[in-house]
PDB file of N, CA and C in Angstrom:
ATOM      1  N   MET A   1       0.853  -1.175   0.000  1.00  0.00           N
ATOM      2  CA  MET A   1       0.000   0.000   0.000  1.00  0.00           C
ATOM      3  C   MET A   1       0.903   1.243   0.000  1.00  0.00           C
ATOM      4  N   THR A   2       0.588   2.188  -0.884  1.00  0.00           N
ATOM      5  CA  THR A   2       1.393   3.406  -0.979  1.00  0.00           C
ATOM      6  C   THR A   2       1.053   4.348   0.177  1.00  0.00           C
ATOM      7  N   THR A   3       1.889   5.330   0.359  1.00  0.00           N
ATOM      8  CA  THR A   3       1.654   6.332   1.401  1.00  0.00           C
ATOM      9  C   THR A   3       0.340   7.059   1.129  1.00  0.00           C
ATOM     10  N   GLU A   4       0.080   7.393  -0.113  1.00  0.00           N
ATOM     11  CA  GLU A   4      -1.162   8.085  -0.464  1.00  0.00           C
ATOM     12  C   GLU A   4      -2.377   7.214  -0.153  1.00  0.00           C
ATOM     13  N   GLU A   5      -2.297   5.930  -0.450  1.00  0.00           N
ATOM     14  CA  GLU A   5      -3.406   5.014  -0.147  1.00  0.00           C
ATOM     15  C   GLU A   5      -3.604   4.913   1.360  1.00  0.00           C
ATOM     16  N   ARG A   6      -2.506   4.879   2.108  1.00  0.00           N
ATOM     17  CA  ARG A   6      -2.620   4.828   3.576  1.00  0.00           C
ATOM     18  C   ARG A   6      -3.277   6.086   4.125  1.00  0.00           C
ATOM     19  N   LEU A   7      -2.889   7.229   3.575  1.00  0.00           N
ATOM     20  CA  LEU A   7      -3.487   8.492   4.014  1.00  0.00           C
ATOM     21  C   LEU A   7      -4.977   8.538   3.689  1.00  0.00           C
ATOM     22  N   THR A   8      -5.331   8.081   2.509  1.00  0.00           N
ATOM     23  CA  THR A   8      -6.739   8.035   2.123  1.00  0.00           C
ATOM     24  C   THR A   8      -7.522   7.134   3.061  1.00  0.00           C
ATOM     25  N   THR A   9      -6.989   5.981   3.388  1.00  0.00           N
ATOM     26  CA  THR A   9      -7.636   5.047   4.303  1.00  0.00           C
ATOM     27  C   THR A   9      -7.782   5.679   5.684  1.00  0.00           C
ATOM     28  N   LEU A  10      -6.746   6.343   6.157  1.00  0.00           N
ATOM     29  CA  LEU A  10      -6.782   6.994   7.461  1.00  0.00           C
ATOM     30  C   LEU A  10      -7.809   8.120   7.470  1.00  0.00           C
ATOM     31  N   GLU A  11      -7.848   8.918   6.410  1.00  0.00           N
ATOM     32  CA  GLU A  11      -8.832   9.994   6.315  1.00  0.00           C
ATOM     33  C   GLU A  11     -10.245   9.448   6.351  1.00  0.00           C
ATOM     34  N   GLN A  12     -10.492   8.344   5.676  1.00  0.00           N
ATOM     35  CA  GLN A  12     -11.818   7.733   5.667  1.00  0.00           C
ATOM     36  C   GLN A  12     -12.196   7.240   7.062  1.00  0.00           C
ATOM     37  N   LYS A  13     -11.239   6.676   7.783  1.00  0.00           N
ATOM     38  CA  LYS A  13     -11.517   6.200   9.135  1.00  0.00           C
ATOM     39  C   LYS A  13     -11.786   7.352  10.093  1.00  0.00           C
ATOM     40  N   LEU A  14     -11.097   8.471   9.863  1.00  0.00           N
ATOM     41  CA  LEU A  14     -11.232   9.611  10.752  1.00  0.00           C
ATOM     42  C   LEU A  14     -12.376  10.547  10.374  1.00  0.00           C
ATOM     43  N   ALA A  15     -12.924  10.391   9.182  1.00  0.00           N
ATOM     44  CA  ALA A  15     -14.003  11.264   8.729  1.00  0.00           C
ATOM     45  C   ALA A  15     -15.195  11.133   9.667  1.00  0.00           C
ATOM     46  N   ALA A  16     -15.581  12.246  10.236  1.00  0.00           N
ATOM     47  CA  ALA A  16     -16.667  12.233  11.211  1.00  0.00           C
ATOM     48  C   ALA A  16     -18.018  12.308  10.513  1.00  0.00           C
ATOM     49  N   LYS A  17     -18.895  11.456  10.923  1.00  0.00           N
ATOM     50  CA  LYS A  17     -20.275  11.525  10.478  1.00  0.00           C
ATOM     51  C   LYS A  17     -21.048  12.466  11.396  1.00  0.00           C
ATOM     52  N   GLU A  18     -20.473  12.726  12.544  1.00  0.00           N
ATOM     53  CA  GLU A  18     -21.097  13.567  13.556  1.00  0.00           C
ATOM     54  C   GLU A  18     -19.990  14.246  14.348  1.00  0.00           C
ATOM     55  N   VAL A  19     -20.185  15.516  14.629  1.00  0.00           N
ATOM     56  CA  VAL A  19     -19.229  16.259  15.441  1.00  0.00           C
ATOM     57  C   VAL A  19     -19.923  16.628  16.738  1.00  0.00           C
ATOM     58  N   ARG A  20     -19.297  16.338  17.871  1.00  0.00           N
ATOM     59  CA  ARG A  20     -19.887  16.649  19.170  1.00  0.00           C
ATOM     60  C   ARG A  20     -18.992  17.633  19.914  1.00  0.00           C
ATOM     61  N   VAL A  21     -19.550  18.803  20.155  1.00  0.00           N
ATOM     62  CA  VAL A  21     -18.839  19.846  20.887  1.00  0.00           C
ATOM     63  C   VAL A  21     -19.844  20.599  21.750  1.00  0.00           C
ATOM     64  N   ARG A  22     -19.363  21.320  22.737  1.00  0.00           N
ATOM     65  CA  ARG A  22     -20.246  22.144  23.564  1.00  0.00           C
ATOM     66  C   ARG A  22     -20.357  23.559  23.002  1.00  0.00           C
ATOM     67  N   ARG A  23     -19.379  23.944  22.177  1.00  0.00           N
ATOM     68  CA  ARG A  23     -19.403  25.279  21.565  1.00  0.00           C
ATOM     69  C   ARG A  23     -18.805  25.187  20.169  1.00  0.00           C
ATOM     70  N   LEU A  24     -19.463  25.826  19.230  1.00  0.00           N
ATOM     71  CA  LEU A  24     -19.008  25.861  17.848  1.00  0.00           C
ATOM     72  C   LEU A  24     -19.026  27.311  17.385  1.00  0.00           C
ATOM     73  N   VAL A  25     -17.920  27.785  16.850  1.00  0.00           N
ATOM     74  CA  VAL A  25     -17.823  29.155  16.360  1.00  0.00           C
ATOM     75  C   VAL A  25     -17.491  29.110  14.875  1.00  0.00           C
ATOM     76  N   LEU A  26     -18.255  29.855  14.081  1.00  0.00           N
ATOM     77  CA  LEU A  26     -17.991  29.973  12.647  1.00  0.00           C
ATOM     78  C   LEU A  26     -17.380  31.338  12.380  1.00  0.00           C
ATOM     79  N   VAL A  27     -16.325  31.356  11.572  1.00  0.00           N
ATOM     80  CA  VAL A  27     -15.661  32.609  11.227  1.00  0.00           C
ATOM     81  C   VAL A  27     -15.705  32.807   9.720  1.00  0.00           C
ATOM     82  N   ASP A  28     -15.575  34.072   9.313  1.00  0.00           N
ATOM     83  CA  ASP A  28     -15.550  34.363   7.875  1.00  0.00           C
ATOM     84  C   ASP A  28     -14.111  34.259   7.359  1.00  0.00           C
ATOM     85  N   ASP A  29     -13.904  34.632   6.119  1.00  0.00           N
ATOM     86  CA  ASP A  29     -12.572  34.526   5.504  1.00  0.00           C
ATOM     87  C   ASP A  29     -11.527  35.405   6.185  1.00  0.00           C
ATOM     88  N   GLU A  30     -11.991  36.422   6.914  1.00  0.00           N
ATOM     89  CA  GLU A  30     -11.076  37.322   7.619  1.00  0.00           C
ATOM     90  C   GLU A  30     -10.827  36.861   9.061  1.00  0.00           C
ATOM     91  N   GLY A  31     -11.439  35.737   9.456  1.00  0.00           N
ATOM     92  CA  GLY A  31     -11.255  35.228  10.813  1.00  0.00           C
ATOM     93  C   GLY A  31     -12.193  35.847  11.836  1.00  0.00           C
ATOM     94  N   ARG A  32     -13.154  36.647  11.374  1.00  0.00           N
ATOM     95  CA  ARG A  32     -14.103  37.295  12.285  1.00  0.00           C
ATOM     96  C   ARG A  32     -15.223  36.331  12.647  1.00  0.00           C
ATOM     97  N   LYS A  33     -15.589  36.325  13.908  1.00  0.00           N
ATOM     98  CA  LYS A  33     -16.681  35.471  14.366  1.00  0.00           C
ATOM     99  C   LYS A  33     -17.985  35.950  13.743  1.00  0.00           C
ATOM    100  N   ARG A  34     -18.700  35.022  13.100  1.00  0.00           N
ATOM    101  CA  ARG A  34     -19.977  35.366  12.469  1.00  0.00           C
ATOM    102  C   ARG A  34     -21.146  34.596  13.064  1.00  0.00           C
ATOM    103  N   ALA A  35     -20.862  33.454  13.704  1.00  0.00           N
ATOM    104  CA  ALA A  35     -21.919  32.672  14.335  1.00  0.00           C
ATOM    105  C   ALA A  35     -21.318  31.859  15.470  1.00  0.00           C
ATOM    106  N   ALA A  36     -22.126  31.641  16.507  1.00  0.00           N
ATOM    107  CA  ALA A  36     -21.690  30.814  17.636  1.00  0.00           C
ATOM    108  C   ALA A  36     -22.878  29.990  18.114  1.00  0.00           C
ATOM    109  N   LEU A  37     -22.642  28.723  18.302  1.00  0.00           N
ATOM    110  CA  LEU A  37     -23.646  27.807  18.845  1.00  0.00           C
ATOM    111  C   LEU A  37     -23.080  27.282  20.146  1.00  0.00           C
ATOM    112  N   ASP A  38     -23.768  27.577  21.234  1.00  0.00           N
ATOM    113  CA  ASP A  38     -23.303  27.189  22.562  1.00  0.00           C
ATOM    114  C   ASP A  38     -24.322  26.280  23.227  1.00  0.00           C
ATOM    115  N   MET A  39     -23.841  25.311  23.989  1.00  0.00           N
ATOM    116  CA  MET A  39     -24.712  24.493  24.820  1.00  0.00           C
ATOM    117  C   MET A  39     -24.488  24.933  26.256  1.00  0.00           C
ATOM    118  N   GLY A  40     -25.415  25.702  26.790  1.00  0.00           N
ATOM    119  CA  GLY A  40     -25.310  26.197  28.158  1.00  0.00           C
ATOM    120  C   GLY A  40     -26.072  25.309  29.122  1.00  0.00           C
ATOM    121  N   PRO A  41     -26.039  25.638  30.396  1.00  0.00           N
ATOM    122  CA  PRO A  41     -26.719  24.819  31.397  1.00  0.00           C
ATOM    123  C   PRO A  41     -28.237  24.781  31.231  1.00  0.00           C
ATOM    124  N   ASP A  42     -28.809  25.828  30.610  1.00  0.00           N
ATOM    125  CA  ASP A  42     -30.263  25.890  30.447  1.00  0.00           C
ATOM    126  C   ASP A  42     -30.742  25.523  29.054  1.00  0.00           C
ATOM    127  N   GLY A  43     -29.810  25.285  28.120  1.00  0.00           N
ATOM    128  CA  GLY A  43     -30.192  24.912  26.766  1.00  0.00           C
ATOM    129  C   GLY A  43     -29.278  25.537  25.734  1.00  0.00           C
ATOM    130  N   PRO A  44     -29.502  25.212  24.462  1.00  0.00           N
ATOM    131  CA  PRO A  44     -28.649  25.727  23.390  1.00  0.00           C
ATOM    132  C   PRO A  44     -28.987  27.166  23.019  1.00  0.00           C
ATOM    133  N   THR A  45     -27.953  27.898  22.597  1.00  0.00           N
ATOM    134  CA  THR A  45     -28.111  29.276  22.138  1.00  0.00           C
ATOM    135  C   THR A  45     -27.340  29.442  20.832  1.00  0.00           C
ATOM    136  N   LEU A  46     -28.004  30.021  19.854  1.00  0.00           N
ATOM    137  CA  LEU A  46     -27.374  30.349  18.574  1.00  0.00           C
ATOM    138  C   LEU A  46     -27.298  31.863  18.469  1.00  0.00           C
ATOM    139  N   ARG A  47     -26.104  32.387  18.206  1.00  0.00           N
ATOM    140  CA  ARG A  47     -25.922  33.829  18.021  1.00  0.00           C
ATOM    141  C   ARG A  47     -25.323  34.074  16.644  1.00  0.00           C
ATOM    142  N   LEU A  48     -25.841  35.084  15.957  1.00  0.00           N
ATOM    143  CA  LEU A  48     -25.310  35.495  14.659  1.00  0.00           C
ATOM    144  C   LEU A  48     -24.754  36.903  14.785  1.00  0.00           C
ATOM    145  N   PHE A  49     -23.583  37.132  14.187  1.00  0.00           N
ATOM    146  CA  PHE A  49     -22.886  38.409  14.287  1.00  0.00           C
ATOM    147  C   PHE A  49     -22.744  39.028  12.908  1.00  0.00           C
ATOM    148  N   ASP A  50     -22.772  40.364  12.853  1.00  0.00           N
ATOM    149  CA  ASP A  50     -22.558  41.022  11.568  1.00  0.00           C
ATOM    150  C   ASP A  50     -21.060  41.114  11.273  1.00  0.00           C
ATOM    151  N   GLU A  51     -20.714  41.740  10.150  1.00  0.00           N
ATOM    152  CA  GLU A  51     -19.317  41.794   9.731  1.00  0.00           C
ATOM    153  C   GLU A  51     -18.437  42.608  10.692  1.00  0.00           C
ATOM    154  N   ASN A  52     -19.059  43.386  11.582  1.00  0.00           N
ATOM    155  CA  ASN A  52     -18.316  44.158  12.574  1.00  0.00           C
ATOM    156  C   ASN A  52     -18.227  43.448  13.919  1.00  0.00           C
ATOM    157  N   GLY A  53     -18.744  42.234  13.988  1.00  0.00           N
ATOM    158  CA  GLY A  53     -18.697  41.475  15.237  1.00  0.00           C
ATOM    159  C   GLY A  53     -19.819  41.802  16.205  1.00  0.00           C
ATOM    160  N   VAL A  54     -20.798  42.577  15.753  1.00  0.00           N
ATOM    161  CA  VAL A  54     -21.919  42.964  16.609  1.00  0.00           C
ATOM    162  C   VAL A  54     -22.955  41.835  16.606  1.00  0.00           C
ATOM    163  N   PRO A  55     -23.376  41.380  17.791  1.00  0.00           N
ATOM    164  CA  PRO A  55     -24.413  40.343  17.827  1.00  0.00           C
ATOM    165  C   PRO A  55     -25.741  40.910  17.332  1.00  0.00           C
ATOM    166  N   ARG A  56     -26.327  40.260  16.319  1.00  0.00           N
ATOM    167  CA  ARG A  56     -27.561  40.768  15.718  1.00  0.00           C
ATOM    168  C   ARG A  56     -28.761  39.853  15.930  1.00  0.00           C
ATOM    169  N   GLU A  57     -28.498  38.586  16.232  1.00  0.00           N
ATOM    170  CA  GLU A  57     -29.595  37.633  16.417  1.00  0.00           C
ATOM    171  C   GLU A  57     -29.189  36.637  17.481  1.00  0.00           C
ATOM    172  N   MET A  58     -30.162  36.275  18.341  1.00  0.00           N
ATOM    173  CA  MET A  58     -29.925  35.258  19.356  1.00  0.00           C
ATOM    174  C   MET A  58     -31.180  34.389  19.442  1.00  0.00           C
ATOM    175  N   LEU A  59     -30.975  33.095  19.366  1.00  0.00           N
ATOM    176  CA  LEU A  59     -32.059  32.134  19.492  1.00  0.00           C
ATOM    177  C   LEU A  59     -31.713  31.208  20.647  1.00  0.00           C
ATOM    178  N   PHE A  60     -32.607  31.125  21.618  1.00  0.00           N
ATOM    179  CA  PHE A  60     -32.400  30.278  22.787  1.00  0.00           C
ATOM    180  C   PHE A  60     -33.561  29.303  22.891  1.00  0.00           C
ATOM    181  N   VAL A  61     -33.258  28.045  23.209  1.00  0.00           N
ATOM    182  CA  VAL A  61     -34.292  27.038  23.420  1.00  0.00           C
ATOM    183  C   VAL A  61     -34.026  26.391  24.768  1.00  0.00           C
ATOM    184  N   GLY A  62     -34.964  26.549  25.692  1.00  0.00           N
ATOM    185  CA  GLY A  62     -34.829  25.969  27.026  1.00  0.00           C
ATOM    186  C   GLY A  62     -35.988  25.054  27.340  1.00  0.00           C
ATOM    187  N   ALA A  63     -35.945  24.468  28.505  1.00  0.00           N
ATOM    188  CA  ALA A  63     -36.992  23.535  28.921  1.00  0.00           C
ATOM    189  C   ALA A  63     -38.332  24.242  29.110  1.00  0.00           C
ATOM    190  N   GLU A  64     -38.297  25.476  29.589  1.00  0.00           N
ATOM    191  CA  GLU A  64     -39.525  26.208  29.896  1.00  0.00           C
ATOM    192  C   GLU A  64     -39.971  27.152  28.782  1.00  0.00           C
ATOM    193  N   LEU A  65     -39.002  27.689  28.018  1.00  0.00           N
ATOM    194  CA  LEU A  65     -39.361  28.658  26.985  1.00  0.00           C
ATOM    195  C   LEU A  65     -38.304  28.723  25.903  1.00  0.00           C
ATOM    196  N   SER A  66     -38.711  29.332  24.791  1.00  0.00           N
ATOM    197  CA  SER A  66     -37.802  29.631  23.685  1.00  0.00           C
ATOM    198  C   SER A  66     -37.841  31.136  23.468  1.00  0.00           C
ATOM    199  N   MET A  67     -36.725  31.690  22.990  1.00  0.00           N
ATOM    200  CA  MET A  67     -36.660  33.131  22.824  1.00  0.00           C
ATOM    201  C   MET A  67     -35.838  33.473  21.585  1.00  0.00           C
ATOM    202  N   LEU A  68     -36.310  34.483  20.858  1.00  0.00           N
ATOM    203  CA  LEU A  68     -35.610  35.010  19.700  1.00  0.00           C
ATOM    204  C   LEU A  68     -35.415  36.504  19.908  1.00  0.00           C
ATOM    205  N   ASP A  69     -34.169  36.982  19.851  1.00  0.00           N
ATOM    206  CA  ASP A  69     -33.859  38.410  19.946  1.00  0.00           C
ATOM    207  C   ASP A  69     -33.278  38.865  18.625  1.00  0.00           C
ATOM    208  N   LEU A  70     -33.731  40.014  18.151  1.00  0.00           N
ATOM    209  CA  LEU A  70     -33.180  40.642  16.947  1.00  0.00           C
ATOM    210  C   LEU A  70     -32.672  42.021  17.342  1.00  0.00           C
ATOM    211  N   ALA A  71     -31.443  42.340  16.945  1.00  0.00           N
ATOM    212  CA  ALA A  71     -30.818  43.597  17.344  1.00  0.00           C
ATOM    213  C   ALA A  71     -30.506  44.461  16.127  1.00  0.00           C
ATOM    214  N   ASP A  72     -30.313  45.753  16.401  1.00  0.00           N
ATOM    215  CA  ASP A  72     -29.943  46.680  15.339  1.00  0.00           C
ATOM    216  C   ASP A  72     -28.422  46.660  15.133  1.00  0.00           C
ATOM    217  N   ALA A  73     -27.932  47.528  14.265  1.00  0.00           N
ATOM    218  CA  ALA A  73     -26.501  47.543  13.933  1.00  0.00           C
ATOM    219  C   ALA A  73     -25.622  47.906  15.122  1.00  0.00           C
ATOM    220  N   ALA A  74     -26.203  48.518  16.146  1.00  0.00           N
ATOM    221  CA  ALA A  74     -25.449  48.859  17.359  1.00  0.00           C
ATOM    222  C   ALA A  74     -25.481  47.713  18.370  1.00  0.00           C
ATOM    223  N   GLY A  75     -26.215  46.661  18.056  1.00  0.00           N
ATOM    224  CA  GLY A  75     -26.311  45.523  18.966  1.00  0.00           C
ATOM    225  C   GLY A  75     -27.400  45.678  20.008  1.00  0.00           C
ATOM    226  N   LYS A  76     -28.221  46.723  19.891  1.00  0.00           N
ATOM    227  CA  LYS A  76     -29.302  46.944  20.849  1.00  0.00           C
ATOM    228  C   LYS A  76     -30.523  46.134  20.435  1.00  0.00           C
ATOM    229  N   PRO A  77     -31.141  45.425  21.394  1.00  0.00           N
ATOM    230  CA  PRO A  77     -32.337  44.639  21.064  1.00  0.00           C
ATOM    231  C   PRO A  77     -33.442  45.542  20.502  1.00  0.00           C
ATOM    232  N   ARG A  78     -34.044  45.101  19.403  1.00  0.00           N
ATOM    233  CA  ARG A  78     -35.154  45.851  18.800  1.00  0.00           C
ATOM    234  C   ARG A  78     -36.431  45.039  18.763  1.00  0.00           C
ATOM    235  N   ALA A  79     -36.304  43.691  18.827  1.00  0.00           N
ATOM    236  CA  ALA A  79     -37.487  42.827  18.864  1.00  0.00           C
ATOM    237  C   ALA A  79     -37.135  41.561  19.637  1.00  0.00           C
ATOM    238  N   THR A  80     -38.067  41.136  20.475  1.00  0.00           N
ATOM    239  CA  THR A  80     -37.893  39.899  21.239  1.00  0.00           C
ATOM    240  C   THR A  80     -39.195  39.106  21.184  1.00  0.00           C
ATOM    241  N   LEU A  81     -39.072  37.844  20.855  1.00  0.00           N
ATOM    242  CA  LEU A  81     -40.206  36.926  20.847  1.00  0.00           C
ATOM    243  C   LEU A  81     -39.932  35.868  21.905  1.00  0.00           C
ATOM    244  N   VAL A  82     -40.883  35.694  22.819  1.00  0.00           N
ATOM    245  CA  VAL A  82     -40.758  34.705  23.885  1.00  0.00           C
ATOM    246  C   VAL A  82     -41.941  33.752  23.766  1.00  0.00           C
ATOM    247  N   VAL A  83     -41.658  32.450  23.755  1.00  0.00           N
ATOM    248  CA  VAL A  83     -42.707  31.442  23.650  1.00  0.00           C
ATOM    249  C   VAL A  83     -42.473  30.376  24.699  1.00  0.00           C
ATOM    250  N   GLY A  84     -43.506  30.101  25.499  1.00  0.00           N
ATOM    251  CA  GLY A  84     -43.444  29.055  26.518  1.00  0.00           C
ATOM    252  C   GLY A  84     -44.799  28.390  26.643  1.00  0.00           C
ATOM    253  N   ALA A  85     -44.905  27.479  27.570  1.00  0.00           N
ATOM    254  CA  ALA A  85     -46.154  26.749  27.752  1.00  0.00           C
ATOM    255  C   ALA A  85     -47.306  27.682  28.105  1.00  0.00           C
ATOM    256  N   ASP A  86     -47.036  28.699  28.917  1.00  0.00           N
ATOM    257  CA  ASP A  86     -48.097  29.604  29.387  1.00  0.00           C
ATOM    258  C   ASP A  86     -47.968  31.023  28.849  1.00  0.00           C
ATOM    259  N   VAL A  87     -47.017  31.253  27.954  1.00  0.00           N
ATOM    260  CA  VAL A  87     -46.801  32.617  27.483  1.00  0.00           C
ATOM    261  C   VAL A  87     -46.319  32.620  26.036  1.00  0.00           C
ATOM    262  N   SER A  88     -46.821  33.584  25.299  1.00  0.00           N
ATOM    263  CA  SER A  88     -46.305  33.909  23.969  1.00  0.00           C
ATOM    264  C   SER A  88     -46.350  35.421  23.884  1.00  0.00           C
ATOM    265  N   ARG A  89     -45.171  36.044  23.837  1.00  0.00           N
ATOM    266  CA  ARG A  89     -45.109  37.506  23.854  1.00  0.00           C
ATOM    267  C   ARG A  89     -44.138  37.995  22.798  1.00  0.00           C
ATOM    268  N   LEU A  90     -44.477  39.133  22.241  1.00  0.00           N
ATOM    269  CA  LEU A  90     -43.612  39.818  21.301  1.00  0.00           C
ATOM    270  C   LEU A  90     -43.402  41.233  21.822  1.00  0.00           C
ATOM    271  N   PHE A  91     -42.154  41.667  21.884  1.00  0.00           N
ATOM    272  CA  PHE A  91     -41.806  43.008  22.332  1.00  0.00           C
ATOM    273  C   PHE A  91     -41.042  43.713  21.223  1.00  0.00           C
ATOM    274  N   LEU A  92     -41.362  44.987  20.994  1.00  0.00           N
ATOM    275  CA  LEU A  92     -40.615  45.824  20.074  1.00  0.00           C
ATOM    276  C   LEU A  92     -40.034  46.983  20.866  1.00  0.00           C
ATOM    277  N   PHE A  93     -38.773  47.314  20.607  1.00  0.00           N
ATOM    278  CA  PHE A  93     -38.068  48.338  21.362  1.00  0.00           C
ATOM    279  C   PHE A  93     -37.615  49.465  20.448  1.00  0.00           C
ATOM    280  N   ASP A  94     -37.529  50.683  21.015  1.00  0.00           N
ATOM    281  CA  ASP A  94     -36.931  51.782  20.256  1.00  0.00           C
ATOM    282  C   ASP A  94     -35.414  51.736  20.430  1.00  0.00           C
ATOM    283  N   ALA A  95     -34.718  52.689  19.823  1.00  0.00           N
ATOM    284  CA  ALA A  95     -33.256  52.691  19.863  1.00  0.00           C
ATOM    285  C   ALA A  95     -32.702  52.864  21.275  1.00  0.00           C
ATOM    286  N   ALA A  96     -33.505  53.438  22.180  1.00  0.00           N
ATOM    287  CA  ALA A  96     -33.070  53.640  23.567  1.00  0.00           C
ATOM    288  C   ALA A  96     -33.347  52.413  24.439  1.00  0.00           C
ATOM    289  N   GLY A  97     -34.009  51.409  23.863  1.00  0.00           N
ATOM    290  CA  GLY A  97     -34.309  50.201  24.622  1.00  0.00           C
ATOM    291  C   GLY A  97     -35.665  50.219  25.303  1.00  0.00           C
ATOM    292  N   LYS A  98     -36.455  51.255  25.063  1.00  0.00           N
ATOM    293  CA  LYS A  98     -37.793  51.372  25.648  1.00  0.00           C
ATOM    294  C   LYS A  98     -38.783  50.540  24.830  1.00  0.00           C
ATOM    295  N   VAL A  99     -39.647  49.810  25.531  1.00  0.00           N
ATOM    296  CA  VAL A  99     -40.689  49.022  24.848  1.00  0.00           C
ATOM    297  C   VAL A  99     -41.658  49.996  24.189  1.00  0.00           C
ATOM    298  N   ILE A 100     -41.810  49.862  22.872  1.00  0.00           N
ATOM    299  CA  ILE A 100     -42.753  50.733  22.145  1.00  0.00           C
ATOM    300  C   ILE A 100     -44.027  49.982  21.754  1.00  0.00           C
ATOM    301  N   TRP A 101     -43.960  48.634  21.834  1.00  0.00           N
ATOM    302  CA  TRP A 101     -45.145  47.830  21.547  1.00  0.00           C
ATOM    303  C   TRP A 101     -44.908  46.426  22.093  1.00  0.00           C
ATOM    304  N   SER A 102     -45.965  45.831  22.616  1.00  0.00           N
ATOM    305  CA  SER A 102     -45.863  44.430  23.048  1.00  0.00           C
ATOM    306  C   SER A 102     -47.242  43.801  22.991  1.00  0.00           C
ATOM    307  N   THR A 103     -47.234  42.498  22.872  1.00  0.00           N
ATOM    308  CA  THR A 103     -48.497  41.780  22.940  1.00  0.00           C
ATOM    309  C   THR A 103     -48.912  41.705  24.403  1.00  0.00           C
ATOM    310  N   PRO A 104     -50.203  41.544  24.646  1.00  0.00           N
ATOM    311  CA  PRO A 104     -50.664  41.466  26.046  1.00  0.00           C
ATOM    312  C   PRO A 104     -50.182  40.203  26.741  1.00  0.00           C
TER     313      PRO A 104
END
């Protein structure tokens, strides 16, 4: 068996069908963080970042509720959706962080 054949065989054995990690960070071609998936004590969280590294989206799924936050270019929350067994709420915020509209 040639060295190339051995390497191919080794690569096939090592090729993961599944990757298991507690945190995964995706970077762009410039090495800037653009997405992060974390497994925290209360559940998984997905965060998306813009090209300046500002967090713009956060999705959390927990045992009691799920939450989606959307932020503006400054990273300030502008909309939050919360869904749980006994609650479903949507909040909209102005640039100062004041609630300007929400569901009852």
